[in-house]
Protein backbone atom coordinates (compact mmCIF):
# COMPACT_ATOMS: atom_id res chain seq x y z
CA MET A 1 0.00 0.00 0.00
CA ILE A 2 1.16 3.51 -0.80
CA LEU A 3 -0.12 6.57 1.06
CA VAL A 4 -0.02 9.77 -1.05
CA LEU A 5 -0.38 12.97 1.00
CA PRO A 6 0.44 16.71 0.67
CA LEU A 7 3.03 16.57 3.45
CA GLN A 8 5.08 19.43 1.94
CA SER A 9 2.11 21.75 1.47
CA PRO A 10 2.21 24.94 3.59
CA VAL A 11 -1.60 24.89 3.71
CA TYR A 12 -2.39 21.18 4.11
CA GLY A 13 0.85 19.85 5.60
CA ARG A 14 -0.38 19.64 9.22
CA ALA A 15 -3.60 17.92 8.13
CA ALA A 16 -1.63 15.46 6.01
CA GLU A 17 0.73 14.72 8.89
CA ALA A 18 -2.22 13.92 11.17
CA VAL A 19 -3.64 11.48 8.59
CA ARG A 20 -0.20 9.90 8.10
CA ALA A 21 0.23 9.48 11.87
CA GLY A 22 -3.14 7.76 12.20
CA PHE A 23 -2.55 5.48 9.23
CA LEU A 24 0.88 4.40 10.45
CA ALA A 25 -0.36 3.95 14.04
CA ALA A 26 -3.01 1.53 12.78
CA ALA A 27 -0.47 -0.19 10.52
CA ASN A 28 1.92 -0.61 13.46
CA ALA A 29 -0.86 -2.03 15.66
CA ALA A 30 -1.59 -4.56 12.91
CA GLY A 31 2.07 -5.40 12.34
CA ARG A 32 1.91 -4.08 8.77
CA THR A 33 4.25 -1.08 8.88
CA GLU A 34 6.79 -2.66 6.52
CA SER A 35 4.17 -3.10 3.79
CA THR A 36 3.23 0.60 3.86
CA ARG A 37 5.06 3.35 1.97
CA VAL A 38 4.37 7.09 2.24
CA VAL A 39 4.83 9.47 -0.72
CA GLY A 40 4.66 13.16 0.15
CA HIS A 41 4.12 16.08 -2.19
CA GLY A 42 3.62 19.83 -2.11
CA ASP A 43 0.97 22.08 -3.58
CA ASP A 44 0.34 21.26 -7.25
CA GLY A 45 2.45 18.12 -6.86
CA VAL A 46 -0.19 15.45 -6.54
CA LEU A 47 -0.10 14.31 -10.17
CA PRO A 48 3.62 13.40 -10.34
CA ALA A 49 3.41 11.87 -6.85
CA PHE A 50 0.38 9.78 -7.75
CA THR A 51 1.83 8.78 -11.11
CA ALA A 52 5.10 7.70 -9.49
CA ALA A 53 3.19 5.65 -6.94
CA ALA A 54 1.07 4.02 -9.66
CA GLN A 55 4.14 2.99 -11.65
CA THR A 56 5.23 0.66 -8.85
CA ASP A 57 2.05 -1.39 -9.41
CA PRO A 58 0.80 -1.21 -5.80
CA ALA A 59 -2.14 -3.21 -4.53
CA LEU A 60 -3.75 0.10 -3.46
CA VAL A 61 -2.95 3.81 -3.38
CA VAL A 62 -4.49 5.68 -0.44
CA GLY A 63 -5.09 9.34 -1.35
CA PRO A 64 -5.34 12.06 -2.51
CA LEU A 65 -6.41 14.04 0.56
CA THR A 66 -7.92 17.26 -0.80
CA ARG A 67 -10.89 17.62 -3.11
CA ASP A 68 -8.90 19.62 -5.66
CA ASP A 69 -6.15 17.00 -5.74
CA LEU A 70 -8.75 14.26 -6.20
CA LYS A 71 -10.23 16.16 -9.15
CA THR A 72 -6.74 16.46 -10.67
CA VAL A 73 -6.09 12.73 -10.34
CA ILE A 74 -9.50 11.75 -11.70
CA THR A 75 -9.21 13.99 -14.76
CA MET A 76 -5.47 13.89 -15.54
CA ALA A 77 -3.68 10.83 -14.11
CA PRO A 78 -2.41 8.72 -17.04
CA VAL A 79 -2.54 5.53 -14.95
CA ARG A 80 -4.88 4.93 -12.02
CA PRO A 81 -4.40 1.85 -9.88
CA ARG A 82 -7.02 0.86 -7.35
CA MET A 83 -7.30 3.80 -4.96
CA LEU A 84 -8.95 4.89 -1.74
CA ALA A 85 -9.39 8.66 -1.90
CA LEU A 86 -9.57 10.51 1.41
CA ASN A 87 -12.06 13.03 0.13
CA GLN A 88 -15.09 12.90 -2.11
CA PRO A 89 -15.49 14.22 -5.66
CA GLU A 90 -17.69 17.18 -6.40
CA GLU A 91 -21.38 16.40 -6.23
CA GLY A 92 -22.56 14.55 -9.31
CA THR A 93 -19.05 13.45 -10.34
CA PRO A 94 -18.81 9.65 -10.35
CA LEU A 95 -15.71 7.88 -9.15
CA PRO A 96 -13.66 6.18 -11.86
CA ALA A 97 -13.37 2.41 -11.99
CA GLN A 98 -11.34 0.85 -9.18
CA ALA A 99 -11.72 3.99 -7.04
CA TYR A 100 -13.23 4.24 -3.56
CA ALA A 101 -13.68 7.28 -1.33
CA LEU A 102 -13.82 7.91 2.41
CA ALA A 103 -14.34 11.50 3.54
CA LEU A 104 -14.81 13.51 6.72
CA SER A 105 -17.49 15.42 4.90
CA ILE A 106 -19.63 17.95 6.69
CA GLU A 107 -22.42 16.90 4.33
CA SER A 108 -22.77 13.49 6.04
CA ASP A 109 -23.06 15.19 9.42
CA ALA A 110 -25.73 17.52 8.06
CA ALA A 111 -27.73 14.63 6.60
CA LEU A 112 -27.59 12.75 9.91
CA LEU A 113 -28.85 15.81 11.82
CA ALA A 114 -31.66 16.31 9.31
CA ARG A 115 -32.81 12.74 9.92
CA ARG A 116 -32.53 13.24 13.66
CA ALA A 117 -34.58 16.44 13.52
CA ARG A 118 -37.34 14.52 11.74
CA ASP A 119 -37.13 11.79 14.41
CA ASP A 120 -37.47 14.55 17.03
CA ASN A 121 -40.80 15.53 15.41
CA VAL A 122 -39.49 18.86 14.16
CA ARG A 123 -41.71 20.22 11.39
CA ALA A 124 -40.94 23.93 11.01
CA ILE A 125 -37.24 24.76 11.01
CA ALA A 126 -35.14 27.90 10.53
CA VAL A 127 -31.54 28.02 9.30
CA VAL A 128 -29.12 30.71 10.51
CA ALA A 129 -25.80 30.55 8.64
CA SER A 130 -22.65 32.64 8.42
CA GLN A 131 -20.90 33.36 5.14
CA ALA A 132 -17.98 31.03 5.95
CA PRO A 133 -17.73 28.50 3.06
CA LEU A 134 -17.72 25.44 5.34
CA GLN A 135 -20.78 26.64 7.23
CA ARG A 136 -22.61 27.45 3.99
CA ARG A 137 -21.91 23.89 2.82
CA PHE A 138 -23.28 22.53 6.10
CA ALA A 139 -26.43 24.63 5.86
CA SER A 140 -27.00 23.73 2.19
CA ALA A 141 -26.50 20.01 2.87
CA PHE A 142 -28.92 20.09 5.80
CA ILE A 143 -31.57 21.86 3.73
CA ALA A 144 -31.13 19.41 0.84
CA ALA A 145 -31.44 16.36 3.13
CA TRP A 146 -34.38 17.90 4.98
CA GLU A 147 -36.32 18.62 1.78
CA ARG A 148 -35.48 15.21 0.24
CA ALA A 149 -37.19 13.63 3.25
CA GLY A 150 -40.31 15.70 2.64
CA GLY A 151 -39.63 18.57 5.04
CA ALA A 152 -41.03 22.03 4.29
CA PRO A 153 -38.44 24.51 2.95
CA PRO A 154 -36.76 26.14 5.98
CA ARG A 155 -36.73 29.87 6.53
CA GLN A 156 -33.16 31.07 6.02
CA TYR A 157 -31.29 33.90 7.72
CA GLU A 158 -27.73 35.18 7.42
CA PHE A 159 -25.74 35.48 10.63
CA ASP A 160 -24.11 38.87 11.13
CA ALA A 161 -22.47 39.84 14.44
CA ASN A 162 -23.67 43.44 14.05
CA PRO A 163 -25.91 44.09 17.13
CA ASP A 164 -28.57 45.86 15.07
CA VAL A 165 -28.77 42.93 12.65
CA LEU A 166 -29.00 40.46 15.53
CA VAL A 167 -31.91 42.37 17.06
CA VAL A 168 -33.76 42.11 13.74
CA LEU A 169 -32.93 38.38 13.58
CA ARG A 170 -34.35 37.84 17.06
CA ARG A 171 -37.53 39.74 16.20
CA GLU A 172 -38.12 37.86 12.95
CA LEU A 173 -37.54 34.47 14.56
CA ALA A 174 -39.86 35.36 17.44
CA THR A 175 -42.63 36.45 15.07
CA ARG A 176 -42.93 32.94 13.65
CA ALA A 177 -41.03 30.75 16.09
CA PRO A 178 -39.76 27.53 14.46
CA ASP A 179 -39.82 24.16 16.16
CA ALA A 180 -36.01 24.12 15.94
CA THR A 181 -33.09 26.07 14.48
CA VAL A 182 -30.05 25.03 12.46
CA LEU A 183 -27.06 27.13 13.51
CA ALA A 184 -24.26 27.10 10.94
CA VAL A 185 -21.53 29.26 12.50
CA GLY A 186 -18.04 28.67 13.86
CA SER A 187 -17.32 28.14 17.54
CA GLY A 188 -16.18 31.75 17.96
CA ASP A 189 -19.66 33.07 17.10
CA ALA A 190 -21.72 30.23 18.53
CA ALA A 191 -22.55 31.62 21.98
CA LEU A 192 -23.45 35.06 20.62
CA ALA A 193 -25.61 33.64 17.83
CA LYS A 194 -27.44 31.21 20.11
CA SER A 195 -28.35 33.98 22.55
CA PHE A 196 -30.53 35.54 19.83
CA LEU A 197 -32.34 32.32 18.88
CA PRO A 198 -35.82 31.39 20.14
CA PRO A 199 -36.25 28.55 22.67
CA GLY A 200 -36.13 25.06 21.23
CA PRO A 201 -33.64 22.53 19.87
CA VAL A 202 -30.60 23.76 17.95
CA TYR A 203 -28.75 21.59 15.42
CA ALA A 204 -25.20 22.59 14.48
CA SER A 205 -22.02 21.42 12.77
CA SER A 206 -19.29 19.64 14.75
CA GLN A 207 -17.14 22.80 14.75
CA ILE A 208 -19.65 24.47 17.07
CA ALA A 209 -17.94 23.08 20.18
CA ASP A 210 -14.32 22.97 19.02
CA ALA A 211 -11.86 24.18 21.66
CA LEU A 212 -14.54 25.86 23.79
CA ALA A 213 -14.05 26.07 27.56
CA PRO A 214 -16.80 24.57 29.75
CA SER A 215 -17.94 28.09 30.68
CA LEU A 216 -18.68 28.83 27.02
CA LEU A 217 -20.16 25.39 26.45
CA ARG A 218 -22.76 26.22 29.10
CA GLU A 219 -23.99 29.00 26.82
CA LEU A 220 -24.66 26.37 24.13
CA ASP A 221 -27.00 24.30 26.27
CA GLY A 222 -29.40 22.32 24.11
CA VAL A 223 -27.23 22.29 20.97
CA ARG A 224 -27.10 18.99 19.08
CA TYR A 225 -24.13 18.26 16.82
CA VAL A 226 -22.28 15.31 15.31
CA GLU A 227 -18.91 14.07 16.53
CA ILE A 228 -16.73 11.15 15.47
CA PRO A 229 -16.64 8.19 17.92
CA TRP A 230 -12.87 8.63 18.41
CA LEU A 231 -13.62 11.91 20.23
CA ALA A 232 -17.17 11.23 21.40
CA ASP A 233 -16.35 7.91 23.11
CA PRO A 234 -12.58 7.75 23.72
CA SER A 235 -12.90 4.95 26.30
CA ASN A 236 -14.57 2.60 23.81
CA PRO A 237 -12.83 -0.81 24.09
CA ALA A 238 -12.74 -1.01 20.28
CA PHE A 239 -10.04 1.69 20.32
CA ALA A 240 -7.99 0.23 23.17
CA ARG A 241 -5.17 -1.10 20.97
CA LEU A 242 -4.76 2.16 19.06
CA PRO A 243 -2.50 4.90 20.46
CA ARG A 244 -3.88 8.36 21.13
CA ALA A 245 -2.34 11.23 19.17
CA ASN A 246 -2.86 14.01 21.77
CA LEU A 247 -2.77 16.68 19.07
CA ASP A 248 -4.65 19.29 21.17
CA ASP A 249 -6.74 20.21 18.15
CA PRO A 250 -10.09 18.52 17.43
CA VAL A 251 -9.70 19.10 13.68
CA LEU A 252 -6.36 17.28 13.61
CA GLU A 253 -7.70 14.56 15.91
CA ARG A 254 -10.48 13.89 13.40
CA LEU A 255 -7.91 13.62 10.62
CA TYR A 256 -5.85 11.23 12.75
CA ALA A 257 -8.99 9.10 13.11
CA LEU A 258 -9.46 9.30 9.33
CA GLY A 259 -6.00 7.78 8.98
CA LEU A 260 -6.93 4.98 11.39
CA ASP A 261 -10.03 4.06 9.39
CA ALA A 262 -8.23 4.47 6.08
CA PHE A 263 -5.77 1.75 7.07
CA THR A 264 -8.56 -0.65 8.06
CA LEU A 265 -10.27 -0.10 4.72
CA ALA A 266 -6.98 -0.29 2.81
CA GLN A 267 -6.37 -3.78 4.18
CA LEU A 268 -9.74 -4.90 2.83
CA LEU A 269 -9.55 -3.08 -0.51
CA SER A 270 -6.01 -4.19 -1.33
CA SER A 271 -7.01 -7.85 -1.56
CA PRO A 272 -7.01 -9.29 -5.11
CA VAL A 273 -10.81 -9.30 -5.12
CA PRO A 274 -12.07 -6.51 -2.85
CA PRO A 275 -15.29 -7.21 -0.94
CA GLN A 276 -18.53 -5.86 -2.35
CA ARG A 277 -19.98 -5.33 1.11
CA ILE A 278 -18.11 -3.49 3.86
CA GLU A 279 -19.70 -2.23 7.05
CA PHE A 280 -18.04 -1.60 10.40
CA ASP A 281 -17.84 0.78 13.34
CA GLY A 282 -14.74 2.89 12.84
CA ALA A 283 -13.00 5.76 14.57
CA THR A 284 -14.80 8.26 12.32
CA GLY A 285 -18.23 6.62 12.52
CA ARG A 286 -20.31 3.77 11.22
CA LEU A 287 -18.90 3.12 7.73
CA SER A 288 -20.89 1.45 4.95
CA LEU A 289 -19.83 0.88 1.35
CA LEU A 290 -22.37 2.27 -1.12
CA PRO A 291 -22.87 1.06 -4.73
CA SER A 292 -21.18 4.30 -5.84
CA ARG A 293 -18.03 3.08 -3.99
CA LEU A 294 -18.33 6.01 -1.61
CA PHE A 295 -18.29 5.12 2.07
CA ALA A 296 -21.29 6.46 3.94
CA ARG A 297 -20.22 7.68 7.38
CA GLU A 298 -22.50 8.16 10.36
CA GLY A 299 -21.04 9.78 13.46
CA ARG A 300 -22.50 10.20 16.95
CA VAL A 301 -25.12 12.82 17.72
CA MET A 302 -24.09 14.73 20.84
CA LEU A 303 -25.99 17.09 23.13
CA ILE A 304 -24.46 19.96 25.10
CA ARG A 305 -25.88 20.01 28.61
CA ASP A 306 -24.54 21.82 31.70
CA GLY A 307 -21.24 22.58 29.99
CA GLN A 308 -20.64 18.98 28.91
CA SER A 309 -21.07 17.09 25.64
CA ILE A 310 -23.02 13.89 26.19
CA PRO A 311 -24.50 11.31 23.78
CA TYR A 312 -27.91 12.45 22.57
CA PRO A 313 -30.46 9.77 23.50
CA ALA A 314 -32.26 8.08 20.63
CA ALA A 315 -35.73 9.40 19.82
CA GLN A 316 -38.49 7.52 21.60
């Protein structure tokens, strides 16, 4: 197996290193370190790195990591061996033959929360989103999943930290109070934004609680969000043989967990005849192989209560 990552990239280098560390930690735990090779590249260097890896006729190439690099490989690589991409192609773009994809996509978290909101008997919902690209993607994915399941189109509002704008937001939400609110903002704006929302459940992206002190978490009481099992349930016996990274950054910890799961899948997919059915509980969530060769990923829904994140009980 060959792992192709942007280790020399100024932008993505730290993320790539976290994935590499997780992948090699899992390989070491399985006694397979010697059969794993890592090929690093910089920005705009994925094509020569991937091509060089492919020329060694590996059982599987794991990578690329970024969506842009995956697009480059799909459209331009002269030779493509069997591969496990660590991102997903743009919506509507099929994977080429012999390609699989596992991603920490915010879209899967949004779809899970949309299903959970329906299970919670939410009918009327409002969406408050910042202009940050990641949060816009989360909001759009939630709305799409909500409407696919037959939900009424949500009322949408733009988050702006300007006090006058927030007063207007509060008034408009109070005029026709929704059953619940989707809050698509970063952790730095979360407490302020929530203070202007009406009472009721709040569904948010995983970044809502990143690096927040318990005192600030108390201001997010009642927020539901999705977390990976590696962080949501660190004492799970299934993870006992895997070393902790202690990266002090939840984003990097999630990427480390992605590396752990990527190794488990790479072992299965590198066999001469890869299995047509794969389903297991991984560090990043419940993973299931779809006919599109994308891996569906379902994390854990968490609830913030009294300054703590706890598992959100299943709907009764």
